[in-house]
Amino acid sequence: MIREIWPGTRDLADADLEELYSYPADPKWLAVNFVSSADGAVTVDGRSATLSTPADRVVYRLGNDLADVVLVGAGTALIEGFEGGQPDPQAAERRRRHGLAPIAPVAVVTSGRSLPPDAPVITKATVPTIVITSEAAPADLRSAWSAAGADVLVAGTDTVDFHAAVDGLVARGLTRIDCEGGPHLFASLAAAGAVDELRLTIAPLLVAGTASRIAAGAGLDPARLELASVLVEDGTLLLRYLL
């Protein structure tokens, strides 16, 4: 049982969790989801799945099920084996109750060559994947993404402009944005001031090694976070911060 320990103290039913992890829809809300070990690692052997706990999987699914779109970096999409949104009766019912489309599309951020046109996140998606890139991406590659079924969103000239990228999603009616990493995408979004909420799971594991932390790459002035809620289950901490 997932239990809230701040700001209240209560056991949470599914309806409580849905309310807690829902997205404000107007004008947009971008929540970033990460799981980390207690010592700050975001991967084991290059993947995050080993860190995930049953409680983390509950809130991870809520983040996906209640979003209009799932935003992810190309490297994370390939490493974690993203295949786009797939039909799921439980998710479809939850999304129907919240007035959402049956399946949330995936939006993949790439500078260009890191995302081949035959990537499963494009070719196996049930609804068209949105590829977010810049004008610097070769025209023939952009055409190949489109030919493979993707909706190509060009945002920025030399590099991806993250304000323009988010505006492009909002213009498509996708205002509830669930970002699932990786660390470089999170840092870039945070530096652009585009993040509204951080949903961070602390798994009760020690990893050590050289794994990255949840934000890496682009630097920014230390940003003050407002703690919104703390949940716990079997040693796993589920934290929500507002930016």
C-alpha atoms as a PDB file:
ATOM      1  CA  MET A   1       0.000   0.000   0.000  1.00  0.00           C
ATOM      2  CA  ILE A   2       1.367   3.403  -0.991  1.00  0.00           C
ATOM      3  CA  ARG A   3       1.092   5.766   1.955  1.00  0.00           C
ATOM      4  CA  GLU A   4       1.243   9.544   2.027  1.00  0.00           C
ATOM      5  CA  ILE A   5       3.483  10.876   4.793  1.00  0.00           C
ATOM      6  CA  TRP A   6       3.480  14.549   3.747  1.00  0.00           C
ATOM      7  CA  PRO A   7       1.562  16.865   3.686  1.00  0.00           C
ATOM      8  CA  GLY A   8      -0.946  14.431   5.266  1.00  0.00           C
ATOM      9  CA  THR A   9      -0.775  10.896   6.618  1.00  0.00           C
ATOM     10  CA  ARG A  10      -3.058   8.401   4.869  1.00  0.00           C
ATOM     11  CA  ASP A  11      -3.168   5.237   2.824  1.00  0.00           C
ATOM     12  CA  LEU A  12      -3.874   6.035  -0.825  1.00  0.00           C
ATOM     13  CA  ALA A  13      -6.418   4.303  -3.036  1.00  0.00           C
ATOM     14  CA  ASP A  14      -6.149   4.344  -6.831  1.00  0.00           C
ATOM     15  CA  ALA A  15      -8.473   7.362  -7.051  1.00  0.00           C
ATOM     16  CA  ASP A  16      -6.266   9.303  -4.609  1.00  0.00           C
ATOM     17  CA  LEU A  17      -3.173   8.538  -6.680  1.00  0.00           C
ATOM     18  CA  GLU A  18      -4.903   9.578  -9.904  1.00  0.00           C
ATOM     19  CA  GLU A  19      -5.835  12.902  -8.328  1.00  0.00           C
ATOM     20  CA  LEU A  20      -2.333  13.441  -6.976  1.00  0.00           C
ATOM     21  CA  TYR A  21      -0.604  12.633 -10.281  1.00  0.00           C
ATOM     22  CA  SER A  22      -3.027  14.344 -12.647  1.00  0.00           C
ATOM     23  CA  TYR A  23      -1.826  17.268 -14.786  1.00  0.00           C
ATOM     24  CA  PRO A  24      -3.194  20.796 -14.828  1.00  0.00           C
ATOM     25  CA  ALA A  25      -4.200  21.246 -18.465  1.00  0.00           C
ATOM     26  CA  ASP A  26      -4.143  25.012 -19.032  1.00  0.00           C
ATOM     27  CA  PRO A  27      -2.010  26.399 -20.547  1.00  0.00           C
ATOM     28  CA  LYS A  28       0.434  23.464 -20.221  1.00  0.00           C
ATOM     29  CA  TRP A  29       2.109  21.297 -17.581  1.00  0.00           C
ATOM     30  CA  LEU A  30       5.413  19.511 -18.054  1.00  0.00           C
ATOM     31  CA  ALA A  31       6.286  16.898 -15.442  1.00  0.00           C
ATOM     32  CA  VAL A  32       9.634  15.074 -15.474  1.00  0.00           C
ATOM     33  CA  ASN A  33       9.737  11.506 -14.127  1.00  0.00           C
ATOM     34  CA  PHE A  34      12.898   9.824 -12.843  1.00  0.00           C
ATOM     35  CA  VAL A  35      13.899   6.928 -10.630  1.00  0.00           C
ATOM     36  CA  SER A  36      17.217   7.115  -8.800  1.00  0.00           C
ATOM     37  CA  SER A  37      19.126   4.907  -6.380  1.00  0.00           C
ATOM     38  CA  ALA A  38      19.686   6.219  -2.868  1.00  0.00           C
ATOM     39  CA  ASP A  39      23.215   7.235  -3.917  1.00  0.00           C
ATOM     40  CA  GLY A  40      22.064   9.108  -7.013  1.00  0.00           C
ATOM     41  CA  ALA A  41      22.481   6.641  -9.891  1.00  0.00           C
ATOM     42  CA  VAL A  42      19.833   6.737 -12.621  1.00  0.00           C
ATOM     43  CA  THR A  43      20.855   3.516 -14.369  1.00  0.00           C
ATOM     44  CA  VAL A  44      22.304   0.072 -13.743  1.00  0.00           C
ATOM     45  CA  ASP A  45      24.257  -1.249 -16.721  1.00  0.00           C
ATOM     46  CA  GLY A  46      22.926   1.651 -18.759  1.00  0.00           C
ATOM     47  CA  ARG A  47      19.215   1.125 -18.072  1.00  0.00           C
ATOM     48  CA  SER A  48      16.801   2.485 -15.477  1.00  0.00           C
ATOM     49  CA  ALA A  49      14.515  -0.563 -15.300  1.00  0.00           C
ATOM     50  CA  THR A  50      16.648  -2.330 -12.675  1.00  0.00           C
ATOM     51  CA  LEU A  51      16.070   0.569 -10.271  1.00  0.00           C
ATOM     52  CA  SER A  52      12.305   0.536 -10.602  1.00  0.00           C
ATOM     53  CA  THR A  53      10.227  -0.790  -7.700  1.00  0.00           C
ATOM     54  CA  PRO A  54       6.524  -1.759  -7.577  1.00  0.00           C
ATOM     55  CA  ALA A  55       5.615   1.687  -6.186  1.00  0.00           C
ATOM     56  CA  ASP A  56       7.662   3.411  -8.871  1.00  0.00           C
ATOM     57  CA  ARG A  57       5.904   1.404 -11.560  1.00  0.00           C
ATOM     58  CA  VAL A  58       2.530   2.563 -10.227  1.00  0.00           C
ATOM     59  CA  VAL A  59       3.380   6.274 -10.449  1.00  0.00           C
ATOM     60  CA  TYR A  60       5.326   5.835 -13.696  1.00  0.00           C
ATOM     61  CA  ARG A  61       2.216   4.360 -15.269  1.00  0.00           C
ATOM     62  CA  LEU A  62       0.048   7.151 -13.878  1.00  0.00           C
ATOM     63  CA  GLY A  63       2.379   9.734 -15.410  1.00  0.00           C
ATOM     64  CA  ASN A  64       1.982   8.051 -18.783  1.00  0.00           C
ATOM     65  CA  ASP A  65      -1.729   7.233 -18.540  1.00  0.00           C
ATOM     66  CA  LEU A  66      -2.774  10.761 -17.550  1.00  0.00           C
ATOM     67  CA  ALA A  67      -0.623  12.626 -20.100  1.00  0.00           C
ATOM     68  CA  ASP A  68      -1.431  13.916 -23.574  1.00  0.00           C
ATOM     69  CA  VAL A  69       2.084  13.106 -24.782  1.00  0.00           C
ATOM     70  CA  VAL A  70       5.207  11.299 -23.531  1.00  0.00           C
ATOM     71  CA  LEU A  71       8.406  13.287 -24.151  1.00  0.00           C
ATOM     72  CA  VAL A  72      11.741  11.459 -24.303  1.00  0.00           C
ATOM     73  CA  GLY A  73      15.259  11.908 -25.624  1.00  0.00           C
ATOM     74  CA  ALA A  74      16.294   9.789 -28.604  1.00  0.00           C
ATOM     75  CA  GLY A  75      19.059   8.014 -26.681  1.00  0.00           C
ATOM     76  CA  THR A  76      16.694   7.021 -23.889  1.00  0.00           C
ATOM     77  CA  ALA A  77      14.054   5.890 -26.397  1.00  0.00           C
ATOM     78  CA  LEU A  78      16.556   3.552 -28.077  1.00  0.00           C
ATOM     79  CA  ILE A  79      18.265   2.246 -24.919  1.00  0.00           C
ATOM     80  CA  GLU A  80      15.017   1.642 -23.021  1.00  0.00           C
ATOM     81  CA  GLY A  81      13.298   0.083 -26.040  1.00  0.00           C
ATOM     82  CA  PHE A  82      10.451   2.557 -26.468  1.00  0.00           C
ATOM     83  CA  GLU A  83       7.934   1.372 -29.069  1.00  0.00           C
ATOM     84  CA  GLY A  84       5.396   4.167 -28.801  1.00  0.00           C
ATOM     85  CA  GLY A  85       2.051   4.005 -27.078  1.00  0.00           C
ATOM     86  CA  GLN A  86       0.381   0.599 -27.256  1.00  0.00           C
ATOM     87  CA  PRO A  87      -3.302  -0.295 -26.697  1.00  0.00           C
ATOM     88  CA  ASP A  88      -4.034  -1.236 -23.077  1.00  0.00           C
ATOM     89  CA  PRO A  89      -7.597  -1.701 -21.738  1.00  0.00           C
ATOM     90  CA  GLN A  90      -6.789  -0.438 -18.228  1.00  0.00           C
ATOM     91  CA  ALA A  91      -4.989   2.650 -19.536  1.00  0.00           C
ATOM     92  CA  ALA A  92      -7.727   3.296 -22.105  1.00  0.00           C
ATOM     93  CA  GLU A  93     -10.400   3.190 -19.402  1.00  0.00           C
ATOM     94  CA  ARG A  94      -8.420   5.517 -17.146  1.00  0.00           C
ATOM     95  CA  ARG A  95      -7.807   7.907 -20.017  1.00  0.00           C
ATOM     96  CA  ARG A  96     -11.486   7.808 -21.030  1.00  0.00           C
ATOM     97  CA  ARG A  97     -12.528   8.817 -17.510  1.00  0.00           C
ATOM     98  CA  HIS A  98     -10.146  11.776 -17.661  1.00  0.00           C
ATOM     99  CA  GLY A  99     -11.281  12.868 -21.140  1.00  0.00           C
ATOM    100  CA  LEU A 100      -8.025  11.907 -22.863  1.00  0.00           C
ATOM    101  CA  ALA A 101      -7.344  10.224 -26.204  1.00  0.00           C
ATOM    102  CA  PRO A 102      -7.042   6.400 -25.943  1.00  0.00           C
ATOM    103  CA  ILE A 103      -3.259   6.454 -26.514  1.00  0.00           C
ATOM    104  CA  ALA A 104      -0.691   9.154 -25.770  1.00  0.00           C
ATOM    105  CA  PRO A 105       1.805   9.673 -28.600  1.00  0.00           C
ATOM    106  CA  VAL A 106       5.535   9.694 -27.911  1.00  0.00           C
ATOM    107  CA  ALA A 107       7.543  12.819 -28.763  1.00  0.00           C
ATOM    108  CA  VAL A 108      11.248  12.080 -29.325  1.00  0.00           C
ATOM    109  CA  VAL A 109      13.872  14.837 -29.161  1.00  0.00           C
ATOM    110  CA  THR A 110      16.885  14.377 -31.433  1.00  0.00           C
ATOM    111  CA  SER A 111      19.613  16.491 -32.966  1.00  0.00           C
ATOM    112  CA  GLY A 112      19.534  14.264 -36.044  1.00  0.00           C
ATOM    113  CA  ARG A 113      21.564  11.104 -36.603  1.00  0.00           C
ATOM    114  CA  SER A 114      20.851   9.668 -33.141  1.00  0.00           C
ATOM    115  CA  LEU A 115      17.405   8.551 -34.334  1.00  0.00           C
ATOM    116  CA  PRO A 116      17.313   6.235 -37.371  1.00  0.00           C
ATOM    117  CA  PRO A 117      14.062   6.211 -39.403  1.00  0.00           C
ATOM    118  CA  ASP A 118      13.546   2.515 -38.600  1.00  0.00           C
ATOM    119  CA  ALA A 119      13.713   3.023 -34.824  1.00  0.00           C
ATOM    120  CA  PRO A 120      10.948   0.996 -33.097  1.00  0.00           C
ATOM    121  CA  VAL A 121       9.676   4.151 -31.371  1.00  0.00           C
ATOM    122  CA  ILE A 122       8.635   5.297 -34.866  1.00  0.00           C
ATOM    123  CA  THR A 123       7.849   2.100 -36.768  1.00  0.00           C
ATOM    124  CA  LYS A 124       6.025   0.208 -33.994  1.00  0.00           C
ATOM    125  CA  ALA A 125       3.958   3.103 -32.655  1.00  0.00           C
ATOM    126  CA  THR A 126       0.181   2.729 -32.810  1.00  0.00           C
ATOM    127  CA  VAL A 127      -0.279   6.491 -33.142  1.00  0.00           C
ATOM    128  CA  PRO A 128       2.265   8.650 -35.020  1.00  0.00           C
ATOM    129  CA  THR A 129       5.381   9.491 -33.044  1.00  0.00           C
ATOM    130  CA  ILE A 130       6.371  13.157 -32.983  1.00  0.00           C
ATOM    131  CA  VAL A 131      10.046  13.709 -33.810  1.00  0.00           C
ATOM    132  CA  ILE A 132      11.298  17.024 -32.408  1.00  0.00           C
ATOM    133  CA  THR A 133      14.451  18.304 -34.073  1.00  0.00           C
ATOM    134  CA  SER A 134      16.082  21.460 -35.431  1.00  0.00           C
ATOM    135  CA  GLU A 135      16.679  22.862 -38.892  1.00  0.00           C
ATOM    136  CA  ALA A 136      20.240  21.484 -38.659  1.00  0.00           C
ATOM    137  CA  ALA A 137      18.945  17.932 -39.061  1.00  0.00           C
ATOM    138  CA  PRO A 138      19.506  16.854 -42.683  1.00  0.00           C
ATOM    139  CA  ALA A 139      16.458  17.366 -44.904  1.00  0.00           C
ATOM    140  CA  ASP A 140      16.655  13.811 -46.246  1.00  0.00           C
ATOM    141  CA  LEU A 141      16.588  12.419 -42.705  1.00  0.00           C
ATOM    142  CA  ARG A 142      13.570  14.532 -41.819  1.00  0.00           C
ATOM    143  CA  SER A 143      11.861  13.227 -44.959  1.00  0.00           C
ATOM    144  CA  ALA A 144      12.736   9.654 -43.971  1.00  0.00           C
ATOM    145  CA  TRP A 145      11.182  10.139 -40.526  1.00  0.00           C
ATOM    146  CA  SER A 146       8.018  11.434 -42.175  1.00  0.00           C
ATOM    147  CA  ALA A 147       7.970   8.555 -44.647  1.00  0.00           C
ATOM    148  CA  ALA A 148       8.237   6.113 -41.730  1.00  0.00           C
ATOM    149  CA  GLY A 149       5.078   7.630 -40.236  1.00  0.00           C
ATOM    150  CA  ALA A 150       6.425  10.286 -37.858  1.00  0.00           C
ATOM    151  CA  ASP A 151       5.089  13.798 -37.356  1.00  0.00           C
ATOM    152  CA  VAL A 152       8.235  15.956 -37.606  1.00  0.00           C
ATOM    153  CA  LEU A 153       8.278  19.103 -35.458  1.00  0.00           C
ATOM    154  CA  VAL A 154      11.153  21.465 -36.328  1.00  0.00           C
ATOM    155  CA  ALA A 155      11.985  23.694 -33.358  1.00  0.00           C
ATOM    156  CA  GLY A 156      15.128  25.818 -33.552  1.00  0.00           C
ATOM    157  CA  THR A 157      17.871  26.383 -36.079  1.00  0.00           C
ATOM    158  CA  ASP A 158      21.265  24.978 -35.010  1.00  0.00           C
ATOM    159  CA  THR A 159      19.926  23.116 -31.951  1.00  0.00           C
ATOM    160  CA  VAL A 160      16.520  22.264 -30.564  1.00  0.00           C
ATOM    161  CA  ASP A 161      14.759  25.289 -29.085  1.00  0.00           C
ATOM    162  CA  PHE A 162      12.939  23.807 -26.109  1.00  0.00           C
ATOM    163  CA  HIS A 163      10.498  26.695 -25.732  1.00  0.00           C
ATOM    164  CA  ALA A 164       9.509  26.253 -29.378  1.00  0.00           C
ATOM    165  CA  ALA A 165       9.344  22.475 -28.920  1.00  0.00           C
ATOM    166  CA  VAL A 166       6.904  22.750 -26.011  1.00  0.00           C
ATOM    167  CA  ASP A 167       4.905  25.397 -27.900  1.00  0.00           C
ATOM    168  CA  GLY A 168       4.710  22.989 -30.852  1.00  0.00           C
ATOM    169  CA  LEU A 169       3.266  20.266 -28.643  1.00  0.00           C
ATOM    170  CA  VAL A 170       0.758  22.670 -27.090  1.00  0.00           C
ATOM    171  CA  ALA A 171      -0.274  23.826 -30.584  1.00  0.00           C
ATOM    172  CA  ARG A 172      -1.142  20.185 -31.310  1.00  0.00           C
ATOM    173  CA  GLY A 173      -3.413  20.145 -28.257  1.00  0.00           C
ATOM    174  CA  LEU A 174      -0.880  18.207 -26.175  1.00  0.00           C
ATOM    175  CA  THR A 175      -0.757  20.282 -23.006  1.00  0.00           C
ATOM    176  CA  ARG A 176      -0.160  17.548 -20.406  1.00  0.00           C
ATOM    177  CA  ILE A 177       3.455  16.551 -21.032  1.00  0.00           C
ATOM    178  CA  ASP A 178       5.108  13.565 -19.338  1.00  0.00           C
ATOM    179  CA  CYS A 179       8.905  13.693 -19.767  1.00  0.00           C
ATOM    180  CA  GLU A 180      10.625  10.373 -19.125  1.00  0.00           C
ATOM    181  CA  GLY A 181      14.248  11.441 -19.601  1.00  0.00           C
ATOM    182  CA  GLY A 182      17.050  11.161 -20.123  1.00  0.00           C
ATOM    183  CA  PRO A 183      19.267  13.358 -17.946  1.00  0.00           C
ATOM    184  CA  HIS A 184      20.479  15.609 -20.792  1.00  0.00           C
ATOM    185  CA  LEU A 185      16.930  16.316 -21.919  1.00  0.00           C
ATOM    186  CA  PHE A 186      15.882  17.132 -18.349  1.00  0.00           C
ATOM    187  CA  ALA A 187      18.809  19.518 -17.896  1.00  0.00           C
ATOM    188  CA  SER A 188      18.048  21.261 -21.195  1.00  0.00           C
ATOM    189  CA  LEU A 189      14.363  21.636 -20.352  1.00  0.00           C
ATOM    190  CA  ALA A 190      15.209  22.942 -16.869  1.00  0.00           C
ATOM    191  CA  ALA A 191      17.715  25.432 -18.283  1.00  0.00           C
ATOM    192  CA  ALA A 192      14.986  26.671 -20.645  1.00  0.00           C
ATOM    193  CA  GLY A 193      12.571  27.114 -17.729  1.00  0.00           C
ATOM    194  CA  ALA A 194      10.137  24.630 -19.315  1.00  0.00           C
ATOM    195  CA  VAL A 195       9.715  22.213 -16.381  1.00  0.00           C
ATOM    196  CA  ASP A 196       6.776  22.603 -13.986  1.00  0.00           C
ATOM    197  CA  GLU A 197       7.140  19.493 -11.834  1.00  0.00           C
ATOM    198  CA  LEU A 198       9.741  16.870 -10.904  1.00  0.00           C
ATOM    199  CA  ARG A 199       8.447  13.436  -9.927  1.00  0.00           C
ATOM    200  CA  LEU A 200      11.369  11.609  -8.370  1.00  0.00           C
ATOM    201  CA  THR A 201      11.411   8.056  -7.040  1.00  0.00           C
ATOM    202  CA  ILE A 202      14.233   7.177  -4.637  1.00  0.00           C
ATOM    203  CA  ALA A 203      14.741   3.410  -4.756  1.00  0.00           C
ATOM    204  CA  PRO A 204      16.233   1.756  -1.633  1.00  0.00           C
ATOM    205  CA  LEU A 205      19.339   0.611  -3.478  1.00  0.00           C
ATOM    206  CA  LEU A 206      23.049   1.465  -3.497  1.00  0.00           C
ATOM    207  CA  VAL A 207      24.729   1.301  -6.900  1.00  0.00           C
ATOM    208  CA  ALA A 208      28.008   3.329  -6.843  1.00  0.00           C
ATOM    209  CA  GLY A 209      29.892   3.159 -10.152  1.00  0.00           C
ATOM    210  CA  THR A 210      29.800   5.907 -12.774  1.00  0.00           C
ATOM    211  CA  ALA A 211      26.094   6.155 -13.607  1.00  0.00           C
ATOM    212  CA  SER A 212      24.744   9.597 -14.453  1.00  0.00           C
ATOM    213  CA  ARG A 213      22.500  11.650 -12.178  1.00  0.00           C
ATOM    214  CA  ILE A 214      18.984  12.774 -13.132  1.00  0.00           C
ATOM    215  CA  ALA A 215      20.164  16.014 -14.784  1.00  0.00           C
ATOM    216  CA  ALA A 216      23.381  16.235 -16.768  1.00  0.00           C
ATOM    217  CA  GLY A 217      24.925  18.481 -19.380  1.00  0.00           C
ATOM    218  CA  ALA A 218      23.412  21.950 -19.543  1.00  0.00           C
ATOM    219  CA  GLY A 219      24.235  24.008 -16.468  1.00  0.00           C
ATOM    220  CA  LEU A 220      21.810  26.307 -14.667  1.00  0.00           C
ATOM    221  CA  ASP A 221      21.700  28.465 -11.585  1.00  0.00           C
ATOM    222  CA  PRO A 222      20.517  26.425  -8.605  1.00  0.00           C
ATOM    223  CA  ALA A 223      16.727  26.319  -8.841  1.00  0.00           C
ATOM    224  CA  ARG A 224      14.653  26.301  -5.676  1.00  0.00           C
ATOM    225  CA  LEU A 225      12.101  23.462  -5.565  1.00  0.00           C
ATOM    226  CA  GLU A 226       8.841  23.392  -3.627  1.00  0.00           C
ATOM    227  CA  LEU A 227       8.027  20.028  -2.056  1.00  0.00           C
ATOM    228  CA  ALA A 228       4.480  19.022  -3.035  1.00  0.00           C
ATOM    229  CA  SER A 229       4.117  15.510  -1.608  1.00  0.00           C
ATOM    230  CA  VAL A 230       6.023  12.566  -0.115  1.00  0.00           C
ATOM    231  CA  LEU A 231       4.771   8.999  -0.451  1.00  0.00           C
ATOM    232  CA  VAL A 232       6.363   5.788   0.777  1.00  0.00           C
ATOM    233  CA  GLU A 233       5.994   2.056   0.149  1.00  0.00           C
ATOM    234  CA  ASP A 234       8.384  -0.662   1.332  1.00  0.00           C
ATOM    235  CA  GLY A 235      11.372   1.682   1.536  1.00  0.00           C
ATOM    236  CA  THR A 236      10.683   3.470  -1.762  1.00  0.00           C
ATOM    237  CA  LEU A 237      10.236   7.250  -1.536  1.00  0.00           C
ATOM    238  CA  LEU A 238       8.020   8.969  -4.105  1.00  0.00           C
ATOM    239  CA  LEU A 239       8.687  12.707  -4.166  1.00  0.00           C
ATOM    240  CA  ARG A 240       6.902  15.460  -6.068  1.00  0.00           C
ATOM    241  CA  TYR A 241       8.542  18.873  -6.409  1.00  0.00           C
ATOM    242  CA  LEU A 242       7.190  21.994  -8.117  1.00  0.00           C
ATOM    243  CA  LEU A 243       9.545  24.354  -9.923  1.00  0.00           C
END
